[in-house]
Amino acid sequence: MTAFSHKSIFIFFTAMGIILGASLLGSFAAVLLKEPPMSTMLKLAREIKIWAIVAAIGGTFSTFEILEKGLFRGEIRSIVKQAVYVVVAVIGANAGYGFIRLIQKCGESMLK
């Protein structure tokens, strides 16, 4: 595998892990505070998606520097790579959110 594919996989799972980890640990906090854990988990997963994407691609400054290189120095390949990384991070964050929704659906079906 190439460095590009390695980094793409790393970004995907980082974004997904941020969503899952923050949501699951946030639900534990909700239990301690006697609030509904499932709604807290879903709310957290929904609210931190953008932060998971930013964290997974390594912050905003390096991305802006690479985009600047691509735009002003004519390195189109770096722009395409960054666009792919952002899309992969979005897919990873949405996969994490989907997994949280799956947990919710399974919990609801168990209560019925």
C-alpha atoms as a PDB file:
ATOM      1  CA  MET A   1       0.000   0.000   0.000  1.00  0.00           C
ATOM      2  CA  THR A   2       1.113   3.532  -0.654  1.00  0.00           C
ATOM      3  CA  ALA A   3       1.592   6.304   1.885  1.00  0.00           C
ATOM      4  CA  PHE A   4      -1.538   7.962   0.504  1.00  0.00           C
ATOM      5  CA  SER A   5      -3.732   4.920   1.183  1.00  0.00           C
ATOM      6  CA  HIS A   6      -2.167   4.430   4.627  1.00  0.00           C
ATOM      7  CA  LYS A   7      -2.909   8.012   5.569  1.00  0.00           C
ATOM      8  CA  SER A   8      -6.454   7.755   4.178  1.00  0.00           C
ATOM      9  CA  ILE A   9      -7.184   4.683   6.308  1.00  0.00           C
ATOM     10  CA  PHE A  10      -5.656   6.357   9.346  1.00  0.00           C
ATOM     11  CA  ILE A  11      -7.804   9.466   8.807  1.00  0.00           C
ATOM     12  CA  PHE A  12     -10.969   7.405   8.369  1.00  0.00           C
ATOM     13  CA  PHE A  13     -10.539   5.466  11.587  1.00  0.00           C
ATOM     14  CA  THR A  14      -9.366   8.519  13.530  1.00  0.00           C
ATOM     15  CA  ALA A  15     -12.521  10.445  12.634  1.00  0.00           C
ATOM     16  CA  MET A  16     -14.669   7.417  13.415  1.00  0.00           C
ATOM     17  CA  GLY A  17     -12.863   6.823  16.702  1.00  0.00           C
ATOM     18  CA  ILE A  18     -13.291  10.406  17.827  1.00  0.00           C
ATOM     19  CA  ILE A  19     -17.042  10.175  17.308  1.00  0.00           C
ATOM     20  CA  LEU A  20     -17.347   6.782  19.004  1.00  0.00           C
ATOM     21  CA  GLY A  21     -15.051   7.562  21.905  1.00  0.00           C
ATOM     22  CA  ALA A  22     -16.497  10.951  22.722  1.00  0.00           C
ATOM     23  CA  SER A  23     -20.067   9.705  22.436  1.00  0.00           C
ATOM     24  CA  LEU A  24     -19.550   6.604  24.550  1.00  0.00           C
ATOM     25  CA  LEU A  25     -17.600   8.398  27.268  1.00  0.00           C
ATOM     26  CA  GLY A  26     -20.113  11.238  27.207  1.00  0.00           C
ATOM     27  CA  SER A  27     -22.892   8.753  27.805  1.00  0.00           C
ATOM     28  CA  PHE A  28     -21.060   7.517  30.910  1.00  0.00           C
ATOM     29  CA  ALA A  29     -21.000  11.100  32.153  1.00  0.00           C
ATOM     30  CA  ALA A  30     -24.730  11.332  31.473  1.00  0.00           C
ATOM     31  CA  VAL A  31     -25.310   8.249  33.630  1.00  0.00           C
ATOM     32  CA  LEU A  32     -23.340   9.854  36.476  1.00  0.00           C
ATOM     33  CA  LEU A  33     -25.421  13.038  36.114  1.00  0.00           C
ATOM     34  CA  LYS A  34     -28.670  11.050  35.932  1.00  0.00           C
ATOM     35  CA  GLU A  35     -29.478  12.179  32.409  1.00  0.00           C
ATOM     36  CA  PRO A  36     -30.599   9.920  29.541  1.00  0.00           C
ATOM     37  CA  PRO A  37     -27.409   8.365  28.137  1.00  0.00           C
ATOM     38  CA  MET A  38     -28.738   7.498  24.673  1.00  0.00           C
ATOM     39  CA  SER A  39     -29.961  10.977  23.835  1.00  0.00           C
ATOM     40  CA  THR A  40     -26.725  12.425  25.201  1.00  0.00           C
ATOM     41  CA  MET A  41     -24.714  10.002  23.075  1.00  0.00           C
ATOM     42  CA  LEU A  42     -26.602  10.947  19.903  1.00  0.00           C
ATOM     43  CA  LYS A  43     -26.387  14.660  20.660  1.00  0.00           C
ATOM     44  CA  LEU A  44     -22.634  14.471  21.224  1.00  0.00           C
ATOM     45  CA  ALA A  45     -22.079  12.415  18.082  1.00  0.00           C
ATOM     46  CA  ARG A  46     -24.026  14.934  16.023  1.00  0.00           C
ATOM     47  CA  GLU A  47     -22.331  17.987  17.550  1.00  0.00           C
ATOM     48  CA  ILE A  48     -18.705  16.871  17.298  1.00  0.00           C
ATOM     49  CA  LYS A  49     -18.690  15.653  13.697  1.00  0.00           C
ATOM     50  CA  ILE A  50     -16.913  18.745  12.377  1.00  0.00           C
ATOM     51  CA  TRP A  51     -14.311  18.559  15.145  1.00  0.00           C
ATOM     52  CA  ALA A  52     -13.667  14.911  14.383  1.00  0.00           C
ATOM     53  CA  ILE A  53     -13.067  15.803  10.737  1.00  0.00           C
ATOM     54  CA  VAL A  54     -10.660  18.620  11.601  1.00  0.00           C
ATOM     55  CA  ALA A  55      -8.760  16.519  14.131  1.00  0.00           C
ATOM     56  CA  ALA A  56      -8.519  13.554  11.754  1.00  0.00           C
ATOM     57  CA  ILE A  57      -6.923  15.567   8.955  1.00  0.00           C
ATOM     58  CA  GLY A  58      -4.394  17.003  11.386  1.00  0.00           C
ATOM     59  CA  GLY A  59      -5.780  20.448  12.072  1.00  0.00           C
ATOM     60  CA  THR A  60      -6.519  23.319   9.770  1.00  0.00           C
ATOM     61  CA  PHE A  61      -3.166  25.054   9.361  1.00  0.00           C
ATOM     62  CA  SER A  62      -1.356  22.255   7.565  1.00  0.00           C
ATOM     63  CA  THR A  63      -4.348  21.784   5.275  1.00  0.00           C
ATOM     64  CA  PHE A  64      -4.413  25.494   4.430  1.00  0.00           C
ATOM     65  CA  GLU A  65      -0.677  25.474   3.739  1.00  0.00           C
ATOM     66  CA  ILE A  66      -1.059  22.567   1.327  1.00  0.00           C
ATOM     67  CA  LEU A  67      -4.036  24.228  -0.364  1.00  0.00           C
ATOM     68  CA  GLU A  68      -1.999  27.428  -0.693  1.00  0.00           C
ATOM     69  CA  LYS A  69       0.784  25.478  -2.382  1.00  0.00           C
ATOM     70  CA  GLY A  70      -1.680  23.930  -4.760  1.00  0.00           C
ATOM     71  CA  LEU A  71      -3.433  27.153  -5.655  1.00  0.00           C
ATOM     72  CA  PHE A  72      -0.500  29.538  -5.925  1.00  0.00           C
ATOM     73  CA  ARG A  73       2.269  27.180  -6.995  1.00  0.00           C
ATOM     74  CA  GLY A  74       0.224  25.062  -9.348  1.00  0.00           C
ATOM     75  CA  GLU A  75       0.490  21.796  -7.435  1.00  0.00           C
ATOM     76  CA  ILE A  76      -2.915  20.397  -8.309  1.00  0.00           C
ATOM     77  CA  ARG A  77      -2.032  16.962  -6.998  1.00  0.00           C
ATOM     78  CA  SER A  78      -1.766  18.280  -3.419  1.00  0.00           C
ATOM     79  CA  ILE A  79      -5.210  19.890  -3.687  1.00  0.00           C
ATOM     80  CA  VAL A  80      -6.726  16.618  -4.863  1.00  0.00           C
ATOM     81  CA  LYS A  81      -5.027  14.717  -2.027  1.00  0.00           C
ATOM     82  CA  GLN A  82      -6.354  17.143   0.579  1.00  0.00           C
ATOM     83  CA  ALA A  83      -9.844  16.947  -0.905  1.00  0.00           C
ATOM     84  CA  VAL A  84      -9.716  13.150  -0.703  1.00  0.00           C
ATOM     85  CA  TYR A  85      -8.499  13.335   2.907  1.00  0.00           C
ATOM     86  CA  VAL A  86     -11.389  15.633   3.834  1.00  0.00           C
ATOM     87  CA  VAL A  87     -13.907  13.357   2.116  1.00  0.00           C
ATOM     88  CA  VAL A  88     -12.443  10.292   3.865  1.00  0.00           C
ATOM     89  CA  ALA A  89     -12.655  12.108   7.221  1.00  0.00           C
ATOM     90  CA  VAL A  90     -16.298  13.016   6.558  1.00  0.00           C
ATOM     91  CA  ILE A  91     -17.071   9.401   5.679  1.00  0.00           C
ATOM     92  CA  GLY A  92     -15.323   8.217   8.856  1.00  0.00           C
ATOM     93  CA  ALA A  93     -17.224  10.685  11.048  1.00  0.00           C
ATOM     94  CA  ASN A  94     -20.504   9.676   9.433  1.00  0.00           C
ATOM     95  CA  ALA A  95     -19.652   5.991   9.897  1.00  0.00           C
ATOM     96  CA  GLY A  96     -19.092   6.644  13.598  1.00  0.00           C
ATOM     97  CA  TYR A  97     -22.392   8.510  13.816  1.00  0.00           C
ATOM     98  CA  GLY A  98     -24.111   5.664  11.962  1.00  0.00           C
ATOM     99  CA  PHE A  99     -22.672   3.183  14.446  1.00  0.00           C
ATOM    100  CA  ILE A 100     -24.065   5.246  17.327  1.00  0.00           C
ATOM    101  CA  ARG A 101     -27.452   5.286  15.586  1.00  0.00           C
ATOM    102  CA  LEU A 102     -27.207   1.498  15.202  1.00  0.00           C
ATOM    103  CA  ILE A 103     -26.599   1.187  18.936  1.00  0.00           C
ATOM    104  CA  GLN A 104     -29.687   3.316  19.498  1.00  0.00           C
ATOM    105  CA  LYS A 105     -31.833   1.160  17.198  1.00  0.00           C
ATOM    106  CA  CYS A 106     -30.624  -2.047  18.835  1.00  0.00           C
ATOM    107  CA  GLY A 107     -31.379  -0.618  22.258  1.00  0.00           C
ATOM    108  CA  GLU A 108     -34.876   0.380  21.190  1.00  0.00           C
ATOM    109  CA  SER A 109     -35.574  -3.056  19.720  1.00  0.00           C
ATOM    110  CA  MET A 110     -34.403  -4.746  22.922  1.00  0.00           C
ATOM    111  CA  LEU A 111     -36.865  -2.698  24.972  1.00  0.00           C
ATOM    112  CA  LYS A 112     -39.817  -3.755  22.823  1.00  0.00           C
END
